Amino acid sequence: MSMSDPIADMLTRIRNAGSTGHKRVDVPASKLKLEIARILQDEKFIANYKFVDDGGPQGVIRVYLKYTPDEEPVITGLQRVSKPGLRRYCGAQGVPRVFGGMGVSILSTSRGIMTGRQAQKMGVGGEVLCSVW
């Protein structure tokens, strides 16, 4: 996994941790990834997250995963939509619906990182970073 796409790396780490039943996973920190973690928490996909200064150059984001009462991961899918080699943008009207509205798309807009729902409400489009369901 090359670090040319740190967001794909973050999603993969969360996906792998969930599929192996880990309670938490550490991801190299960045402002963008903190925003993604904030949305995952706001949307109840993860239990919590915190920034941990591990003495390294950028610190890590410790993501606390969430499971159903049957010990199934709450996150069943994470998909990187826009990639460094192929950016994917949408207008306010063209925000992709994820799993019939059960999932959420995360967009990078001129007004910051937000869910597709929020972007539609505010009438802004942007780069579709990923989908979570």
N, C-alpha and C. Protein backbone atom coordinates (compact mmCIF):
# COMPACT_ATOMS: atom_id res chain seq x y z
N MET A 1 0.86 -1.19 0.00
CA MET A 1 0.00 0.00 0.00
C MET A 1 0.89 1.23 0.00
N SER A 2 0.85 1.97 -1.07
CA SER A 2 1.69 3.17 -1.12
C SER A 2 0.98 4.29 -0.38
N MET A 3 1.75 5.19 0.17
CA MET A 3 1.16 6.30 0.90
C MET A 3 0.80 7.44 -0.04
N SER A 4 0.76 7.16 -1.34
CA SER A 4 0.36 8.22 -2.27
C SER A 4 -1.12 8.52 -2.09
N ASP A 5 -1.86 7.62 -1.43
CA ASP A 5 -3.26 7.90 -1.15
C ASP A 5 -3.54 7.61 0.33
N PRO A 6 -3.23 8.59 1.19
CA PRO A 6 -3.38 8.36 2.62
C PRO A 6 -4.82 8.08 3.05
N ILE A 7 -5.79 8.60 2.28
CA ILE A 7 -7.19 8.35 2.66
C ILE A 7 -7.56 6.90 2.40
N ALA A 8 -7.13 6.37 1.26
CA ALA A 8 -7.37 4.95 0.97
C ALA A 8 -6.71 4.10 2.05
N ASP A 9 -5.52 4.52 2.48
CA ASP A 9 -4.81 3.79 3.54
C ASP A 9 -5.63 3.79 4.83
N MET A 10 -6.19 4.96 5.19
CA MET A 10 -7.01 5.07 6.39
C MET A 10 -8.21 4.14 6.30
N LEU A 11 -8.90 4.17 5.16
CA LEU A 11 -10.10 3.35 4.99
C LEU A 11 -9.75 1.87 5.09
N THR A 12 -8.63 1.50 4.48
CA THR A 12 -8.20 0.09 4.51
C THR A 12 -7.90 -0.35 5.93
N ARG A 13 -7.22 0.51 6.70
CA ARG A 13 -6.91 0.16 8.08
C ARG A 13 -8.18 -0.04 8.91
N ILE A 14 -9.15 0.85 8.71
CA ILE A 14 -10.41 0.74 9.46
C ILE A 14 -11.14 -0.53 9.03
N ARG A 15 -11.17 -0.78 7.72
CA ARG A 15 -11.85 -1.97 7.19
C ARG A 15 -11.22 -3.24 7.76
N ASN A 16 -9.89 -3.31 7.71
CA ASN A 16 -9.19 -4.50 8.19
C ASN A 16 -9.38 -4.70 9.70
N ALA A 17 -9.32 -3.61 10.44
CA ALA A 17 -9.48 -3.71 11.90
C ALA A 17 -10.88 -4.21 12.24
N GLY A 18 -11.87 -3.71 11.50
CA GLY A 18 -13.24 -4.14 11.75
C GLY A 18 -13.44 -5.61 11.42
N SER A 19 -12.85 -6.05 10.32
CA SER A 19 -13.06 -7.43 9.90
C SER A 19 -12.34 -8.41 10.81
N THR A 20 -11.34 -7.93 11.56
CA THR A 20 -10.64 -8.82 12.49
C THR A 20 -11.08 -8.60 13.94
N GLY A 21 -12.08 -7.73 14.13
CA GLY A 21 -12.64 -7.55 15.46
C GLY A 21 -11.85 -6.70 16.42
N HIS A 22 -10.92 -5.90 15.91
CA HIS A 22 -10.15 -5.02 16.80
C HIS A 22 -11.04 -3.91 17.37
N LYS A 23 -10.71 -3.51 18.59
CA LYS A 23 -11.48 -2.43 19.23
C LYS A 23 -11.07 -1.07 18.69
N ARG A 24 -9.80 -0.95 18.28
CA ARG A 24 -9.32 0.35 17.82
C ARG A 24 -8.24 0.16 16.77
N VAL A 25 -7.97 1.23 16.04
CA VAL A 25 -6.92 1.19 15.03
C VAL A 25 -6.27 2.56 14.96
N ASP A 26 -4.95 2.58 14.80
CA ASP A 26 -4.23 3.84 14.69
C ASP A 26 -3.95 4.16 13.23
N VAL A 27 -4.16 5.41 12.87
CA VAL A 27 -3.97 5.87 11.50
C VAL A 27 -3.06 7.09 11.56
N PRO A 28 -2.06 7.19 10.68
CA PRO A 28 -1.23 8.41 10.68
C PRO A 28 -2.13 9.64 10.53
N ALA A 29 -1.89 10.66 11.34
CA ALA A 29 -2.81 11.79 11.40
C ALA A 29 -2.61 12.79 10.27
N SER A 30 -3.70 13.43 9.90
CA SER A 30 -3.64 14.64 9.06
C SER A 30 -4.94 15.39 9.33
N LYS A 31 -4.99 16.66 8.96
CA LYS A 31 -6.20 17.45 9.19
C LYS A 31 -7.38 16.81 8.48
N LEU A 32 -7.14 16.40 7.24
CA LEU A 32 -8.22 15.81 6.45
C LEU A 32 -8.75 14.53 7.10
N LYS A 33 -7.83 13.69 7.57
CA LYS A 33 -8.25 12.43 8.18
C LYS A 33 -8.98 12.66 9.51
N LEU A 34 -8.59 13.72 10.25
CA LEU A 34 -9.31 14.06 11.48
C LEU A 34 -10.75 14.45 11.13
N GLU A 35 -10.92 15.17 10.03
CA GLU A 35 -12.26 15.57 9.60
C GLU A 35 -13.09 14.35 9.22
N ILE A 36 -12.46 13.41 8.53
CA ILE A 36 -13.18 12.18 8.14
C ILE A 36 -13.58 11.41 9.39
N ALA A 37 -12.66 11.31 10.37
CA ALA A 37 -12.98 10.62 11.62
C ALA A 37 -14.14 11.31 12.35
N ARG A 38 -14.13 12.65 12.33
CA ARG A 38 -15.21 13.41 12.98
C ARG A 38 -16.56 13.05 12.36
N ILE A 39 -16.60 12.98 11.03
CA ILE A 39 -17.85 12.65 10.36
C ILE A 39 -18.26 11.21 10.66
N LEU A 40 -17.29 10.29 10.65
CA LEU A 40 -17.62 8.89 10.97
C LEU A 40 -18.23 8.80 12.37
N GLN A 41 -17.72 9.62 13.30
CA GLN A 41 -18.29 9.62 14.65
C GLN A 41 -19.67 10.29 14.66
N ASP A 42 -19.78 11.45 14.00
CA ASP A 42 -21.07 12.16 13.94
C ASP A 42 -22.16 11.26 13.37
N GLU A 43 -21.77 10.46 12.38
CA GLU A 43 -22.74 9.60 11.69
C GLU A 43 -22.87 8.23 12.37
N LYS A 44 -22.27 8.09 13.53
CA LYS A 44 -22.38 6.88 14.36
C LYS A 44 -21.76 5.63 13.73
N PHE A 45 -20.77 5.81 12.86
CA PHE A 45 -20.09 4.66 12.28
C PHE A 45 -18.95 4.17 13.17
N ILE A 46 -18.40 5.09 13.96
CA ILE A 46 -17.35 4.69 14.92
C ILE A 46 -17.74 5.18 16.30
N ALA A 47 -17.17 4.55 17.34
CA ALA A 47 -17.51 4.92 18.71
C ALA A 47 -16.86 6.24 19.09
N ASN A 48 -15.60 6.42 18.69
CA ASN A 48 -14.87 7.60 19.11
C ASN A 48 -13.56 7.67 18.34
N TYR A 49 -12.87 8.79 18.48
CA TYR A 49 -11.52 8.90 17.92
C TYR A 49 -10.79 9.95 18.73
N LYS A 50 -9.47 9.86 18.75
CA LYS A 50 -8.70 10.93 19.38
C LYS A 50 -7.35 11.05 18.71
N PHE A 51 -6.81 12.25 18.81
CA PHE A 51 -5.48 12.50 18.26
C PHE A 51 -4.47 12.11 19.33
N VAL A 52 -3.47 11.30 18.95
CA VAL A 52 -2.45 10.86 19.89
C VAL A 52 -1.09 11.31 19.37
N ASP A 53 -0.38 12.07 20.19
CA ASP A 53 0.97 12.48 19.82
C ASP A 53 1.90 11.32 20.16
N ASP A 54 2.33 10.59 19.15
CA ASP A 54 3.16 9.39 19.39
C ASP A 54 4.64 9.73 19.29
N GLY A 55 4.97 11.01 19.29
CA GLY A 55 6.37 11.41 19.19
C GLY A 55 6.87 11.43 17.76
N GLY A 56 6.05 10.94 16.83
CA GLY A 56 6.42 10.96 15.42
C GLY A 56 6.16 12.32 14.83
N PRO A 57 6.44 12.47 13.52
CA PRO A 57 6.32 13.79 12.91
C PRO A 57 4.86 14.28 12.81
N GLN A 58 3.90 13.35 12.74
CA GLN A 58 2.53 13.81 12.51
C GLN A 58 1.52 13.31 13.53
N GLY A 59 1.93 12.41 14.42
CA GLY A 59 0.98 11.87 15.37
C GLY A 59 0.06 10.86 14.71
N VAL A 60 -0.82 10.26 15.50
CA VAL A 60 -1.76 9.31 14.94
C VAL A 60 -3.17 9.64 15.41
N ILE A 61 -4.14 9.17 14.62
CA ILE A 61 -5.53 9.25 15.03
C ILE A 61 -5.89 7.85 15.51
N ARG A 62 -6.33 7.75 16.75
CA ARG A 62 -6.77 6.46 17.28
C ARG A 62 -8.27 6.38 17.09
N VAL A 63 -8.69 5.45 16.24
CA VAL A 63 -10.10 5.30 15.92
C VAL A 63 -10.66 4.13 16.71
N TYR A 64 -11.70 4.39 17.49
CA TYR A 64 -12.34 3.33 18.27
C TYR A 64 -13.55 2.82 17.48
N LEU A 65 -13.47 1.56 17.08
CA LEU A 65 -14.50 0.99 16.22
C LEU A 65 -15.76 0.66 17.01
N LYS A 66 -16.84 0.57 16.27
CA LYS A 66 -18.13 0.32 16.88
C LYS A 66 -18.67 -1.00 16.34
N TYR A 67 -19.26 -1.78 17.22
CA TYR A 67 -19.82 -3.08 16.82
C TYR A 67 -21.28 -3.18 17.24
N THR A 68 -22.02 -3.99 16.51
CA THR A 68 -23.42 -4.23 16.88
C THR A 68 -23.43 -5.15 18.10
N PRO A 69 -24.59 -5.32 18.75
CA PRO A 69 -24.66 -6.26 19.88
C PRO A 69 -24.21 -7.68 19.48
N ASP A 70 -24.32 -8.03 18.20
CA ASP A 70 -23.87 -9.35 17.74
C ASP A 70 -22.39 -9.35 17.37
N GLU A 71 -21.66 -8.30 17.77
CA GLU A 71 -20.23 -8.20 17.49
C GLU A 71 -19.90 -8.04 16.01
N GLU A 72 -20.90 -7.61 15.23
CA GLU A 72 -20.62 -7.31 13.82
C GLU A 72 -20.15 -5.86 13.74
N PRO A 73 -19.14 -5.58 12.88
CA PRO A 73 -18.73 -4.17 12.76
C PRO A 73 -19.88 -3.32 12.21
N VAL A 74 -20.06 -2.13 12.78
CA VAL A 74 -21.10 -1.22 12.30
C VAL A 74 -20.81 -0.81 10.86
N ILE A 75 -19.53 -0.61 10.56
CA ILE A 75 -19.15 -0.25 9.19
C ILE A 75 -19.09 -1.54 8.37
N THR A 76 -19.98 -1.67 7.39
CA THR A 76 -19.94 -2.86 6.55
C THR A 76 -19.16 -2.61 5.27
N GLY A 77 -19.01 -1.34 4.92
CA GLY A 77 -18.24 -1.04 3.72
C GLY A 77 -17.66 0.35 3.75
N LEU A 78 -16.44 0.48 3.21
CA LEU A 78 -15.80 1.78 3.04
C LEU A 78 -15.22 1.76 1.65
N GLN A 79 -15.54 2.77 0.87
CA GLN A 79 -15.03 2.77 -0.50
C GLN A 79 -14.45 4.13 -0.83
N ARG A 80 -13.24 4.12 -1.34
CA ARG A 80 -12.62 5.36 -1.80
C ARG A 80 -13.24 5.68 -3.14
N VAL A 81 -13.77 6.86 -3.31
CA VAL A 81 -14.42 7.21 -4.57
C VAL A 81 -13.46 7.98 -5.47
N SER A 82 -13.03 9.14 -4.99
CA SER A 82 -12.09 9.96 -5.75
C SER A 82 -10.69 9.45 -5.48
N LYS A 83 -9.91 9.20 -6.52
CA LYS A 83 -8.55 8.71 -6.30
C LYS A 83 -7.57 9.74 -6.84
N PRO A 84 -6.33 9.69 -6.35
CA PRO A 84 -5.35 10.68 -6.84
C PRO A 84 -5.25 10.70 -8.36
N GLY A 85 -5.37 9.52 -8.99
CA GLY A 85 -5.26 9.46 -10.45
C GLY A 85 -6.56 9.78 -11.16
N LEU A 86 -7.67 9.71 -10.41
CA LEU A 86 -8.98 9.95 -11.03
C LEU A 86 -9.88 10.63 -10.02
N ARG A 87 -9.86 11.96 -10.05
CA ARG A 87 -10.66 12.72 -9.10
C ARG A 87 -12.12 12.65 -9.51
N ARG A 88 -13.01 12.53 -8.53
CA ARG A 88 -14.44 12.46 -8.81
C ARG A 88 -15.14 13.62 -8.10
N TYR A 89 -15.78 14.45 -8.89
CA TYR A 89 -16.47 15.61 -8.33
C TYR A 89 -17.97 15.48 -8.59
N CYS A 90 -18.77 16.17 -7.79
CA CYS A 90 -20.19 16.20 -8.04
C CYS A 90 -20.72 17.59 -7.70
N GLY A 91 -21.80 17.96 -8.36
CA GLY A 91 -22.47 19.21 -8.01
C GLY A 91 -23.40 18.95 -6.85
N ALA A 92 -24.00 20.02 -6.34
CA ALA A 92 -24.90 19.89 -5.19
C ALA A 92 -26.06 18.95 -5.52
N GLN A 93 -26.48 18.94 -6.78
CA GLN A 93 -27.60 18.09 -7.17
C GLN A 93 -27.16 16.64 -7.43
N GLY A 94 -25.89 16.45 -7.70
CA GLY A 94 -25.43 15.13 -8.11
C GLY A 94 -24.74 14.34 -7.01
N VAL A 95 -25.02 14.67 -5.75
CA VAL A 95 -24.38 13.96 -4.64
C VAL A 95 -24.86 12.51 -4.66
N PRO A 96 -23.91 11.57 -4.71
CA PRO A 96 -24.32 10.17 -4.81
C PRO A 96 -25.02 9.69 -3.55
N ARG A 97 -26.08 8.93 -3.72
CA ARG A 97 -26.74 8.29 -2.58
C ARG A 97 -26.01 6.98 -2.31
N VAL A 98 -25.79 6.69 -1.04
CA VAL A 98 -25.06 5.49 -0.68
C VAL A 98 -26.04 4.52 -0.03
N PHE A 99 -26.17 3.37 -0.62
CA PHE A 99 -27.05 2.32 -0.08
C PHE A 99 -28.44 2.86 0.22
N GLY A 100 -29.03 3.53 -0.77
CA GLY A 100 -30.39 4.05 -0.61
C GLY A 100 -30.54 4.99 0.56
N GLY A 101 -29.46 5.71 0.86
CA GLY A 101 -29.53 6.69 1.93
C GLY A 101 -29.12 6.14 3.29
N MET A 102 -28.84 4.83 3.36
CA MET A 102 -28.42 4.25 4.64
C MET A 102 -26.95 4.58 4.90
N GLY A 103 -26.19 4.69 3.84
CA GLY A 103 -24.78 5.03 3.99
C GLY A 103 -24.58 6.52 3.83
N VAL A 104 -23.33 6.92 3.83
CA VAL A 104 -23.04 8.35 3.73
C VAL A 104 -21.84 8.54 2.82
N SER A 105 -21.91 9.59 2.00
CA SER A 105 -20.72 9.94 1.22
C SER A 105 -20.07 11.13 1.92
N ILE A 106 -18.74 11.16 1.87
CA ILE A 106 -17.99 12.24 2.50
C ILE A 106 -17.36 13.08 1.40
N LEU A 107 -17.66 14.36 1.41
CA LEU A 107 -17.19 15.27 0.36
C LEU A 107 -16.22 16.30 0.91
N SER A 108 -15.30 16.68 0.05
CA SER A 108 -14.45 17.82 0.35
C SER A 108 -15.01 18.98 -0.46
N THR A 109 -15.56 19.99 0.21
CA THR A 109 -16.19 21.12 -0.49
C THR A 109 -15.44 22.40 -0.18
N SER A 110 -15.86 23.47 -0.82
CA SER A 110 -15.25 24.77 -0.55
C SER A 110 -15.55 25.22 0.87
N ARG A 111 -16.55 24.60 1.50
CA ARG A 111 -16.89 24.95 2.88
C ARG A 111 -16.42 23.90 3.87
N GLY A 112 -15.48 23.07 3.45
CA GLY A 112 -14.93 22.09 4.37
C GLY A 112 -15.40 20.68 4.05
N ILE A 113 -15.00 19.76 4.92
CA ILE A 113 -15.34 18.35 4.75
C ILE A 113 -16.72 18.11 5.35
N MET A 114 -17.62 17.49 4.60
CA MET A 114 -18.97 17.26 5.11
C MET A 114 -19.59 16.06 4.42
N THR A 115 -20.75 15.66 4.93
CA THR A 115 -21.44 14.55 4.30
C THR A 115 -22.17 15.05 3.05
N GLY A 116 -22.51 14.12 2.20
CA GLY A 116 -23.28 14.46 1.00
C GLY A 116 -24.58 15.15 1.35
N ARG A 117 -25.22 14.68 2.43
CA ARG A 117 -26.47 15.29 2.89
C ARG A 117 -26.28 16.76 3.24
N GLN A 118 -25.22 17.04 4.00
CA GLN A 118 -24.94 18.42 4.41
C GLN A 118 -24.65 19.28 3.18
N ALA A 119 -23.88 18.70 2.23
CA ALA A 119 -23.53 19.46 1.03
C ALA A 119 -24.78 19.82 0.25
N GLN A 120 -25.71 18.87 0.13
CA GLN A 120 -26.97 19.14 -0.58
C GLN A 120 -27.75 20.26 0.10
N LYS A 121 -27.83 20.18 1.44
CA LYS A 121 -28.55 21.21 2.21
C LYS A 121 -27.96 22.58 1.96
N MET A 122 -26.61 22.63 1.91
CA MET A 122 -25.94 23.91 1.75
C MET A 122 -25.82 24.32 0.30
N GLY A 123 -26.21 23.41 -0.60
CA GLY A 123 -26.15 23.72 -2.01
C GLY A 123 -24.74 23.80 -2.57
N VAL A 124 -23.83 22.99 -2.00
CA VAL A 124 -22.47 22.97 -2.53
C VAL A 124 -22.12 21.58 -3.04
N GLY A 125 -21.27 21.53 -4.03
CA GLY A 125 -20.74 20.26 -4.52
C GLY A 125 -19.30 20.16 -4.08
N GLY A 126 -18.61 19.15 -4.59
CA GLY A 126 -17.21 19.03 -4.23
C GLY A 126 -16.65 17.70 -4.67
N GLU A 127 -15.50 17.36 -4.11
CA GLU A 127 -14.85 16.10 -4.45
C GLU A 127 -15.40 15.01 -3.54
N VAL A 128 -15.86 13.92 -4.14
CA VAL A 128 -16.41 12.81 -3.35
C VAL A 128 -15.25 11.95 -2.86
N LEU A 129 -14.88 12.11 -1.60
CA LEU A 129 -13.72 11.41 -1.05
C LEU A 129 -14.00 9.92 -0.90
N CYS A 130 -15.12 9.57 -0.26
CA CYS A 130 -15.40 8.16 0.00
C CYS A 130 -16.85 7.96 0.36
N SER A 131 -17.26 6.72 0.36
CA SER A 131 -18.60 6.33 0.80
C SER A 131 -18.44 5.33 1.94
N VAL A 132 -19.36 5.42 2.90
CA VAL A 132 -19.33 4.52 4.05
C VAL A 132 -20.74 3.97 4.24
N TRP A 133 -20.83 2.69 4.49
CA TRP A 133 -22.14 2.11 4.80
C TRP A 133 -21.99 0.94 5.76
